[in-house]
Amino acid sequence: MSNVIQLNDLGEGITQLVLNRPPANAMSVDVLAELGETLNTLETDDAVRAVVISSALGLFSAGLDLKEIKDFSTTEQTALVDGLNAAFNGIYGFRKPVVAAINGAAVAGGMFFALSADYTVANEKSRFGLTEIKVGVNFPVAPYEIAKAELSPGSFRRVLLSGRLFKSDAALEMQIIDEIVADDQLLDRAVAVAKEYAGNPPMAYAAIKHQIRAEALANMQSAVDNKTDATRSGWFTDETMVAMDAILAATSAKK
């Protein structure tokens, strides 16, 4: 396991789940597996009433590490797709309140933490975008279903087809996030929302959450259970390799 997820007991049944994989909280197969197992543990722990997801770094998450994954075999690509589907299905269907505290960039896979949470608080320097199109890949089932369910049709089209990054004020207008606060208030505000949501009857909370998200959750769970996600048979194409190399070269040139 990667051991990059830290848990802090904030009292009153609120657990802070902290992502800490320098330099950019990149998600690997091991990180996604650890995230999934951690969520399962927290969901079945009666002492946990709500979870706040945050970052220990100066940004939230830049998604997948292109340098790490660009030479993945088909088998490794399948494991990555399975990990993404399982982890974000776990967050989206988590039966207790989940609040995301977004500091800085939450890009590609990182943005799905914001979309999967029940409430997302972000600071003013936060940035959001689904840059998969820039990398030359389409979306595994779980991320796609979450984006489709949580974004308006217009925002869904613009975000997925442009690959652009959006500042916090634009993200608020597009309902990617729920609230913008000053950086020094970010965690306190996220915890306050978590406590508020956790004050609701827990069985009713879980039931209503699943009512709201029923269609997306059913599609996601079916793909996870039956391994029917088309991207499992090979996520990357020749176009993907060219796009990844170009992005990595441009990034290197800026250093």
C-alpha atoms as a PDB file:
ATOM      1  CA  MET A   1       0.000   0.000   0.000  1.00  0.00           C
ATOM      2  CA  SER A   2       1.084   3.578  -0.571  1.00  0.00           C
ATOM      3  CA  ASN A   3       0.448   4.935   2.940  1.00  0.00           C
ATOM      4  CA  VAL A   4      -0.189   8.437   1.638  1.00  0.00           C
ATOM      5  CA  ILE A   5      -3.614   8.838   3.248  1.00  0.00           C
ATOM      6  CA  GLN A   6      -3.639  10.228   6.764  1.00  0.00           C
ATOM      7  CA  LEU A   7      -6.620  10.213   9.105  1.00  0.00           C
ATOM      8  CA  ASN A   8      -7.195  12.801  11.825  1.00  0.00           C
ATOM      9  CA  ASP A   9      -9.929  12.638  14.447  1.00  0.00           C
ATOM     10  CA  LEU A  10     -11.379  16.150  14.628  1.00  0.00           C
ATOM     11  CA  GLY A  11     -13.858  15.293  17.364  1.00  0.00           C
ATOM     12  CA  GLU A  12     -17.654  14.971  17.389  1.00  0.00           C
ATOM     13  CA  GLY A  13     -17.427  12.074  14.920  1.00  0.00           C
ATOM     14  CA  ILE A  14     -15.692  14.072  12.188  1.00  0.00           C
ATOM     15  CA  THR A  15     -12.712  12.380  10.507  1.00  0.00           C
ATOM     16  CA  GLN A  16     -10.305  14.288   8.292  1.00  0.00           C
ATOM     17  CA  LEU A  17      -8.958  12.258   5.363  1.00  0.00           C
ATOM     18  CA  VAL A  18      -5.753  13.956   4.217  1.00  0.00           C
ATOM     19  CA  LEU A  19      -4.074  13.305   0.864  1.00  0.00           C
ATOM     20  CA  ASN A  20      -0.301  13.538   1.234  1.00  0.00           C
ATOM     21  CA  ARG A  21       1.670  12.365  -1.777  1.00  0.00           C
ATOM     22  CA  PRO A  22       4.158  15.085  -2.779  1.00  0.00           C
ATOM     23  CA  PRO A  23       4.545  16.915  -4.997  1.00  0.00           C
ATOM     24  CA  ALA A  24       1.011  16.967  -6.450  1.00  0.00           C
ATOM     25  CA  ASN A  25      -1.090  14.227  -4.803  1.00  0.00           C
ATOM     26  CA  ALA A  26      -0.950  12.198  -7.999  1.00  0.00           C
ATOM     27  CA  MET A  27      -3.215   9.160  -7.992  1.00  0.00           C
ATOM     28  CA  SER A  28      -1.637   5.782  -8.666  1.00  0.00           C
ATOM     29  CA  VAL A  29      -3.136   2.293  -8.579  1.00  0.00           C
ATOM     30  CA  ASP A  30      -1.826   1.905  -5.022  1.00  0.00           C
ATOM     31  CA  VAL A  31      -3.173   5.290  -3.903  1.00  0.00           C
ATOM     32  CA  LEU A  32      -6.606   4.533  -5.351  1.00  0.00           C
ATOM     33  CA  ALA A  33      -6.646   1.122  -3.648  1.00  0.00           C
ATOM     34  CA  GLU A  34      -5.675   2.713  -0.333  1.00  0.00           C
ATOM     35  CA  LEU A  35      -8.388   5.337  -0.780  1.00  0.00           C
ATOM     36  CA  GLY A  36     -11.002   2.685  -1.464  1.00  0.00           C
ATOM     37  CA  GLU A  37     -10.020   0.579   1.538  1.00  0.00           C
ATOM     38  CA  THR A  38      -9.937   3.639   3.795  1.00  0.00           C
ATOM     39  CA  LEU A  39     -13.418   4.667   2.708  1.00  0.00           C
ATOM     40  CA  ASN A  40     -14.755   1.168   3.375  1.00  0.00           C
ATOM     41  CA  THR A  41     -13.279   1.264   6.870  1.00  0.00           C
ATOM     42  CA  LEU A  42     -14.701   4.709   7.651  1.00  0.00           C
ATOM     43  CA  GLU A  43     -18.127   3.841   6.288  1.00  0.00           C
ATOM     44  CA  THR A  44     -18.475   0.844   8.608  1.00  0.00           C
ATOM     45  CA  ASP A  45     -17.064   2.617  11.674  1.00  0.00           C
ATOM     46  CA  ASP A  46     -20.015   3.716  13.815  1.00  0.00           C
ATOM     47  CA  ALA A  47     -17.842   6.326  15.529  1.00  0.00           C
ATOM     48  CA  VAL A  48     -17.398   8.186  12.226  1.00  0.00           C
ATOM     49  CA  ARG A  49     -20.305  10.504  11.454  1.00  0.00           C
ATOM     50  CA  ALA A  50     -18.794  12.484   8.558  1.00  0.00           C
ATOM     51  CA  VAL A  51     -15.570  12.798   6.542  1.00  0.00           C
ATOM     52  CA  VAL A  52     -13.692  15.908   5.441  1.00  0.00           C
ATOM     53  CA  ILE A  53     -11.291  15.318   2.539  1.00  0.00           C
ATOM     54  CA  SER A  54      -8.344  17.710   2.310  1.00  0.00           C
ATOM     55  CA  SER A  55      -4.732  17.988   1.165  1.00  0.00           C
ATOM     56  CA  ALA A  56      -1.514  18.332   3.138  1.00  0.00           C
ATOM     57  CA  LEU A  57       0.154  20.062   0.169  1.00  0.00           C
ATOM     58  CA  GLY A  58      -0.081  23.496  -1.432  1.00  0.00           C
ATOM     59  CA  LEU A  59      -2.577  22.152  -3.958  1.00  0.00           C
ATOM     60  CA  PHE A  60      -5.318  19.549  -3.816  1.00  0.00           C
ATOM     61  CA  SER A  61      -4.539  17.060  -6.594  1.00  0.00           C
ATOM     62  CA  ALA A  62      -3.255  17.259 -10.152  1.00  0.00           C
ATOM     63  CA  GLY A  63      -4.809  13.915 -11.059  1.00  0.00           C
ATOM     64  CA  LEU A  64      -2.724  11.143 -12.572  1.00  0.00           C
ATOM     65  CA  ASP A  65       1.063  11.381 -12.912  1.00  0.00           C
ATOM     66  CA  LEU A  66       1.650  11.329 -16.684  1.00  0.00           C
ATOM     67  CA  LYS A  67       5.321  10.476 -16.330  1.00  0.00           C
ATOM     68  CA  GLU A  68       4.375   7.494 -14.195  1.00  0.00           C
ATOM     69  CA  ILE A  69       1.582   6.129 -16.372  1.00  0.00           C
ATOM     70  CA  LYS A  70       2.566   6.909 -19.959  1.00  0.00           C
ATOM     71  CA  ASP A  71       4.352   3.590 -20.464  1.00  0.00           C
ATOM     72  CA  PHE A  72       1.685   1.487 -18.744  1.00  0.00           C
ATOM     73  CA  SER A  73       0.847  -1.847 -20.332  1.00  0.00           C
ATOM     74  CA  THR A  74      -2.772  -2.658 -21.161  1.00  0.00           C
ATOM     75  CA  THR A  75      -2.958  -4.660 -17.927  1.00  0.00           C
ATOM     76  CA  GLU A  76      -1.700  -1.695 -15.922  1.00  0.00           C
ATOM     77  CA  GLN A  77      -4.157   0.620 -17.692  1.00  0.00           C
ATOM     78  CA  THR A  78      -7.001  -1.730 -16.756  1.00  0.00           C
ATOM     79  CA  ALA A  79      -5.899  -1.714 -13.117  1.00  0.00           C
ATOM     80  CA  LEU A  80      -5.858   2.093 -13.200  1.00  0.00           C
ATOM     81  CA  VAL A  81      -9.374   2.278 -14.677  1.00  0.00           C
ATOM     82  CA  ASP A  82     -10.644  -0.218 -12.103  1.00  0.00           C
ATOM     83  CA  GLY A  83      -9.037   1.802  -9.324  1.00  0.00           C
ATOM     84  CA  LEU A  84     -10.587   5.071 -10.497  1.00  0.00           C
ATOM     85  CA  ASN A  85     -14.031   3.492 -10.841  1.00  0.00           C
ATOM     86  CA  ALA A  86     -13.912   1.806  -7.445  1.00  0.00           C
ATOM     87  CA  ALA A  87     -12.513   4.813  -5.546  1.00  0.00           C
ATOM     88  CA  PHE A  88     -14.900   7.425  -6.929  1.00  0.00           C
ATOM     89  CA  ASN A  89     -17.857   5.067  -6.735  1.00  0.00           C
ATOM     90  CA  GLY A  90     -16.873   4.731  -3.063  1.00  0.00           C
ATOM     91  CA  ILE A  91     -16.817   8.477  -2.457  1.00  0.00           C
ATOM     92  CA  TYR A  92     -19.973   9.234  -4.448  1.00  0.00           C
ATOM     93  CA  GLY A  93     -21.965   6.501  -2.739  1.00  0.00           C
ATOM     94  CA  PHE A  94     -20.472   6.965   0.744  1.00  0.00           C
ATOM     95  CA  ARG A  95     -23.412   6.672   3.097  1.00  0.00           C
ATOM     96  CA  LYS A  96     -22.248   9.425   5.459  1.00  0.00           C
ATOM     97  CA  PRO A  97     -21.605  13.113   4.753  1.00  0.00           C
ATOM     98  CA  VAL A  98     -18.477  13.883   2.731  1.00  0.00           C
ATOM     99  CA  VAL A  99     -17.169  17.449   2.557  1.00  0.00           C
ATOM    100  CA  ALA A 100     -14.219  18.402   0.331  1.00  0.00           C
ATOM    101  CA  ALA A 101     -11.859  21.226   1.329  1.00  0.00           C
ATOM    102  CA  ILE A 102     -10.111  22.257  -1.888  1.00  0.00           C
ATOM    103  CA  ASN A 103      -6.920  24.308  -1.688  1.00  0.00           C
ATOM    104  CA  GLY A 104      -5.346  25.161  -5.024  1.00  0.00           C
ATOM    105  CA  ALA A 105      -5.533  23.029  -8.149  1.00  0.00           C
ATOM    106  CA  ALA A 106      -7.998  20.153  -8.370  1.00  0.00           C
ATOM    107  CA  VAL A 107      -7.475  19.007 -11.927  1.00  0.00           C
ATOM    108  CA  ALA A 108      -8.521  15.950 -13.967  1.00  0.00           C
ATOM    109  CA  GLY A 109      -8.939  13.107 -11.447  1.00  0.00           C
ATOM    110  CA  GLY A 110      -8.425  15.653  -8.675  1.00  0.00           C
ATOM    111  CA  MET A 111     -11.577  17.534  -9.659  1.00  0.00           C
ATOM    112  CA  PHE A 112     -13.693  14.441  -9.067  1.00  0.00           C
ATOM    113  CA  PHE A 113     -13.161  14.789  -5.323  1.00  0.00           C
ATOM    114  CA  ALA A 114     -15.001  18.111  -5.574  1.00  0.00           C
ATOM    115  CA  LEU A 115     -17.770  16.667  -7.741  1.00  0.00           C
ATOM    116  CA  SER A 116     -18.146  13.511  -5.613  1.00  0.00           C
ATOM    117  CA  ALA A 117     -18.469  15.259  -2.268  1.00  0.00           C
ATOM    118  CA  ASP A 118     -21.803  16.240  -0.737  1.00  0.00           C
ATOM    119  CA  TYR A 119     -20.505  19.781  -0.260  1.00  0.00           C
ATOM    120  CA  THR A 120     -17.305  21.406  -1.517  1.00  0.00           C
ATOM    121  CA  VAL A 121     -15.583  24.385   0.052  1.00  0.00           C
ATOM    122  CA  ALA A 122     -12.676  25.935  -1.859  1.00  0.00           C
ATOM    123  CA  ASN A 123     -10.224  28.744  -1.289  1.00  0.00           C
ATOM    124  CA  GLU A 124      -9.780  31.682  -3.623  1.00  0.00           C
ATOM    125  CA  LYS A 125      -6.689  30.276  -5.356  1.00  0.00           C
ATOM    126  CA  SER A 126      -8.376  26.995  -6.274  1.00  0.00           C
ATOM    127  CA  ARG A 127      -8.510  25.951  -9.924  1.00  0.00           C
ATOM    128  CA  PHE A 128     -10.621  23.253 -11.549  1.00  0.00           C
ATOM    129  CA  GLY A 129     -10.706  21.453 -14.862  1.00  0.00           C
ATOM    130  CA  LEU A 130     -11.132  18.098 -16.539  1.00  0.00           C
ATOM    131  CA  THR A 131      -8.079  17.972 -18.782  1.00  0.00           C
ATOM    132  CA  GLU A 132      -8.517  14.406 -20.021  1.00  0.00           C
ATOM    133  CA  ILE A 133      -9.149  15.628 -23.564  1.00  0.00           C
ATOM    134  CA  LYS A 134      -5.737  17.332 -23.544  1.00  0.00           C
ATOM    135  CA  VAL A 135      -4.161  13.996 -22.586  1.00  0.00           C
ATOM    136  CA  GLY A 136      -6.016  12.138 -25.337  1.00  0.00           C
ATOM    137  CA  VAL A 137      -8.152   9.859 -23.159  1.00  0.00           C
ATOM    138  CA  ASN A 138     -11.877   9.486 -22.612  1.00  0.00           C
ATOM    139  CA  PHE A 139     -13.537   8.914 -19.250  1.00  0.00           C
ATOM    140  CA  PRO A 140     -13.945   5.709 -17.258  1.00  0.00           C
ATOM    141  CA  VAL A 141     -17.537   5.059 -16.240  1.00  0.00           C
ATOM    142  CA  ALA A 142     -17.472   6.394 -12.674  1.00  0.00           C
ATOM    143  CA  PRO A 143     -15.863   9.776 -13.404  1.00  0.00           C
ATOM    144  CA  TYR A 144     -18.093  10.215 -16.464  1.00  0.00           C
ATOM    145  CA  GLU A 145     -21.303   9.422 -14.578  1.00  0.00           C
ATOM    146  CA  ILE A 146     -20.352  11.732 -11.706  1.00  0.00           C
ATOM    147  CA  ALA A 147     -19.580  14.630 -14.042  1.00  0.00           C
ATOM    148  CA  LYS A 148     -22.800  14.060 -15.995  1.00  0.00           C
ATOM    149  CA  ALA A 149     -24.887  13.964 -12.817  1.00  0.00           C
ATOM    150  CA  GLU A 150     -23.290  16.918 -11.041  1.00  0.00           C
ATOM    151  CA  LEU A 151     -22.724  19.428 -13.853  1.00  0.00           C
ATOM    152  CA  SER A 152     -25.428  21.218 -15.790  1.00  0.00           C
ATOM    153  CA  PRO A 153     -25.654  20.083 -19.439  1.00  0.00           C
ATOM    154  CA  GLY A 154     -23.923  23.216 -20.663  1.00  0.00           C
ATOM    155  CA  SER A 155     -21.149  23.060 -18.084  1.00  0.00           C
ATOM    156  CA  PHE A 156     -20.748  19.322 -18.708  1.00  0.00           C
ATOM    157  CA  ARG A 157     -20.177  19.952 -22.406  1.00  0.00           C
ATOM    158  CA  ARG A 158     -17.817  22.902 -21.907  1.00  0.00           C
ATOM    159  CA  VAL A 159     -15.729  21.327 -19.162  1.00  0.00           C
ATOM    160  CA  LEU A 160     -15.239  17.971 -20.881  1.00  0.00           C
ATOM    161  CA  LEU A 161     -14.689  19.238 -24.431  1.00  0.00           C
ATOM    162  CA  SER A 162     -12.497  22.267 -23.683  1.00  0.00           C
ATOM    163  CA  GLY A 163     -10.089  20.844 -21.113  1.00  0.00           C
ATOM    164  CA  ARG A 164      -9.799  24.389 -19.746  1.00  0.00           C
ATOM    165  CA  LEU A 165      -8.987  25.352 -16.173  1.00  0.00           C
ATOM    166  CA  PHE A 166     -11.541  27.470 -14.326  1.00  0.00           C
ATOM    167  CA  LYS A 167     -10.863  29.861 -11.452  1.00  0.00           C
ATOM    168  CA  SER A 168     -12.765  29.550  -8.205  1.00  0.00           C
ATOM    169  CA  ASP A 169     -15.365  32.206  -9.049  1.00  0.00           C
ATOM    170  CA  ALA A 170     -16.187  30.508 -12.359  1.00  0.00           C
ATOM    171  CA  ALA A 171     -16.274  27.118 -10.619  1.00  0.00           C
ATOM    172  CA  LEU A 172     -18.780  28.500  -8.104  1.00  0.00           C
ATOM    173  CA  GLU A 173     -20.984  29.870 -10.873  1.00  0.00           C
ATOM    174  CA  MET A 174     -20.836  26.491 -12.660  1.00  0.00           C
ATOM    175  CA  GLN A 175     -21.692  24.701  -9.371  1.00  0.00           C
ATOM    176  CA  ILE A 176     -18.485  22.684  -9.378  1.00  0.00           C
ATOM    177  CA  ILE A 177     -18.051  23.970  -5.830  1.00  0.00           C
ATOM    178  CA  ASP A 178     -20.524  25.225  -3.244  1.00  0.00           C
ATOM    179  CA  GLU A 179     -18.623  27.967  -1.439  1.00  0.00           C
ATOM    180  CA  ILE A 180     -15.421  30.048  -1.559  1.00  0.00           C
ATOM    181  CA  VAL A 181     -13.694  31.053   1.670  1.00  0.00           C
ATOM    182  CA  ALA A 182     -10.375  32.575   2.666  1.00  0.00           C
ATOM    183  CA  ASP A 183      -7.519  30.099   2.900  1.00  0.00           C
ATOM    184  CA  ASP A 184      -7.245  30.391   6.685  1.00  0.00           C
ATOM    185  CA  GLN A 185     -10.947  29.545   7.028  1.00  0.00           C
ATOM    186  CA  LEU A 186     -10.993  26.562   4.658  1.00  0.00           C
ATOM    187  CA  LEU A 187     -10.755  23.645   7.066  1.00  0.00           C
ATOM    188  CA  ASP A 188     -12.884  25.276   9.767  1.00  0.00           C
ATOM    189  CA  ARG A 189     -15.685  25.921   7.291  1.00  0.00           C
ATOM    190  CA  ALA A 190     -15.501  22.395   5.866  1.00  0.00           C
ATOM    191  CA  VAL A 191     -15.683  20.940   9.373  1.00  0.00           C
ATOM    192  CA  ALA A 192     -18.632  23.176  10.238  1.00  0.00           C
ATOM    193  CA  VAL A 193     -20.556  21.908   7.205  1.00  0.00           C
ATOM    194  CA  ALA A 194     -19.616  18.308   8.050  1.00  0.00           C
ATOM    195  CA  LYS A 195     -20.986  18.761  11.578  1.00  0.00           C
ATOM    196  CA  GLU A 196     -24.171  20.336  10.240  1.00  0.00           C
ATOM    197  CA  TYR A 197     -24.795  17.485   7.793  1.00  0.00           C
ATOM    198  CA  ALA A 198     -23.859  14.864  10.389  1.00  0.00           C
ATOM    199  CA  GLY A 199     -26.551  16.288  12.656  1.00  0.00           C
ATOM    200  CA  ASN A 200     -29.232  14.847  10.380  1.00  0.00           C
ATOM    201  CA  PRO A 201     -30.672  11.361  11.065  1.00  0.00           C
ATOM    202  CA  PRO A 202     -28.022   9.091   9.501  1.00  0.00           C
ATOM    203  CA  MET A 203     -30.308   6.480   7.942  1.00  0.00           C
ATOM    204  CA  ALA A 204     -32.420   9.151   6.279  1.00  0.00           C
ATOM    205  CA  TYR A 205     -29.293  10.983   5.140  1.00  0.00           C
ATOM    206  CA  ALA A 206     -27.920   7.858   3.424  1.00  0.00           C
ATOM    207  CA  ALA A 207     -31.285   7.025   1.872  1.00  0.00           C
ATOM    208  CA  ILE A 208     -31.887  10.509   0.455  1.00  0.00           C
ATOM    209  CA  LYS A 209     -28.299  10.784  -0.799  1.00  0.00           C
ATOM    210  CA  HIS A 210     -28.763   7.527  -2.697  1.00  0.00           C
ATOM    211  CA  GLN A 211     -32.140   8.685  -4.016  1.00  0.00           C
ATOM    212  CA  ILE A 212     -30.511  11.793  -5.441  1.00  0.00           C
ATOM    213  CA  ARG A 213     -27.651   9.837  -7.011  1.00  0.00           C
ATOM    214  CA  ALA A 214     -29.510   6.612  -7.840  1.00  0.00           C
ATOM    215  CA  GLU A 215     -29.074   6.557 -11.630  1.00  0.00           C
ATOM    216  CA  ALA A 216     -25.377   7.398 -11.623  1.00  0.00           C
ATOM    217  CA  LEU A 217     -24.645   5.013  -8.751  1.00  0.00           C
ATOM    218  CA  ALA A 218     -26.471   2.164 -10.500  1.00  0.00           C
ATOM    219  CA  ASN A 219     -24.520   2.702 -13.716  1.00  0.00           C
ATOM    220  CA  MET A 220     -21.231   2.937 -11.839  1.00  0.00           C
ATOM    221  CA  GLN A 221     -21.833  -0.102  -9.654  1.00  0.00           C
ATOM    222  CA  SER A 222     -22.876  -2.196 -12.627  1.00  0.00           C
ATOM    223  CA  ALA A 223     -19.664  -1.321 -14.448  1.00  0.00           C
ATOM    224  CA  VAL A 224     -17.569  -2.118 -11.365  1.00  0.00           C
ATOM    225  CA  ASP A 225     -19.357  -5.416 -10.656  1.00  0.00           C
ATOM    226  CA  ASN A 226     -19.534  -6.634 -14.242  1.00  0.00           C
ATOM    227  CA  LYS A 227     -16.274  -5.117 -15.506  1.00  0.00           C
ATOM    228  CA  THR A 228     -18.107  -3.620 -18.480  1.00  0.00           C
ATOM    229  CA  ASP A 229     -16.259  -0.301 -18.718  1.00  0.00           C
ATOM    230  CA  ALA A 230     -14.995  -0.141 -22.311  1.00  0.00           C
ATOM    231  CA  THR A 231     -11.811   1.625 -21.211  1.00  0.00           C
ATOM    232  CA  ARG A 232     -10.758  -1.548 -19.362  1.00  0.00           C
ATOM    233  CA  SER A 233      -9.705  -3.136 -22.671  1.00  0.00           C
ATOM    234  CA  GLY A 234      -7.115  -0.422 -23.281  1.00  0.00           C
ATOM    235  CA  TRP A 235      -7.449   3.159 -22.129  1.00  0.00           C
ATOM    236  CA  PHE A 236      -4.555   4.695 -24.051  1.00  0.00           C
ATOM    237  CA  THR A 237      -4.251   5.052 -27.836  1.00  0.00           C
ATOM    238  CA  ASP A 238      -1.378   6.136 -30.087  1.00  0.00           C
ATOM    239  CA  GLU A 239      -2.898   9.620 -29.864  1.00  0.00           C
ATOM    240  CA  THR A 240      -2.674   9.450 -26.078  1.00  0.00           C
ATOM    241  CA  MET A 241       1.056   8.761 -26.188  1.00  0.00           C
ATOM    242  CA  VAL A 242       1.684  11.729 -28.481  1.00  0.00           C
ATOM    243  CA  ALA A 243      -0.407  14.018 -26.261  1.00  0.00           C
ATOM    244  CA  MET A 244       1.302  12.868 -23.052  1.00  0.00           C
ATOM    245  CA  ASP A 245       4.770  13.327 -24.544  1.00  0.00           C
ATOM    246  CA  ALA A 246       3.870  16.834 -25.693  1.00  0.00           C
ATOM    247  CA  ILE A 247       2.530  17.819 -22.267  1.00  0.00           C
ATOM    248  CA  LEU A 248       5.577  16.408 -20.481  1.00  0.00           C
ATOM    249  CA  ALA A 249       7.934  18.175 -22.901  1.00  0.00           C
ATOM    250  CA  ALA A 250       6.118  21.494 -22.404  1.00  0.00           C
ATOM    251  CA  THR A 251       6.208  21.048 -18.629  1.00  0.00           C
ATOM    252  CA  SER A 252       9.918  20.269 -18.698  1.00  0.00           C
ATOM    253  CA  ALA A 253      10.633  23.335 -20.861  1.00  0.00           C
ATOM    254  CA  LYS A 254       8.986  25.603 -18.266  1.00  0.00           C
ATOM    255  CA  LYS A 255      11.309  24.425 -15.459  1.00  0.00           C
END
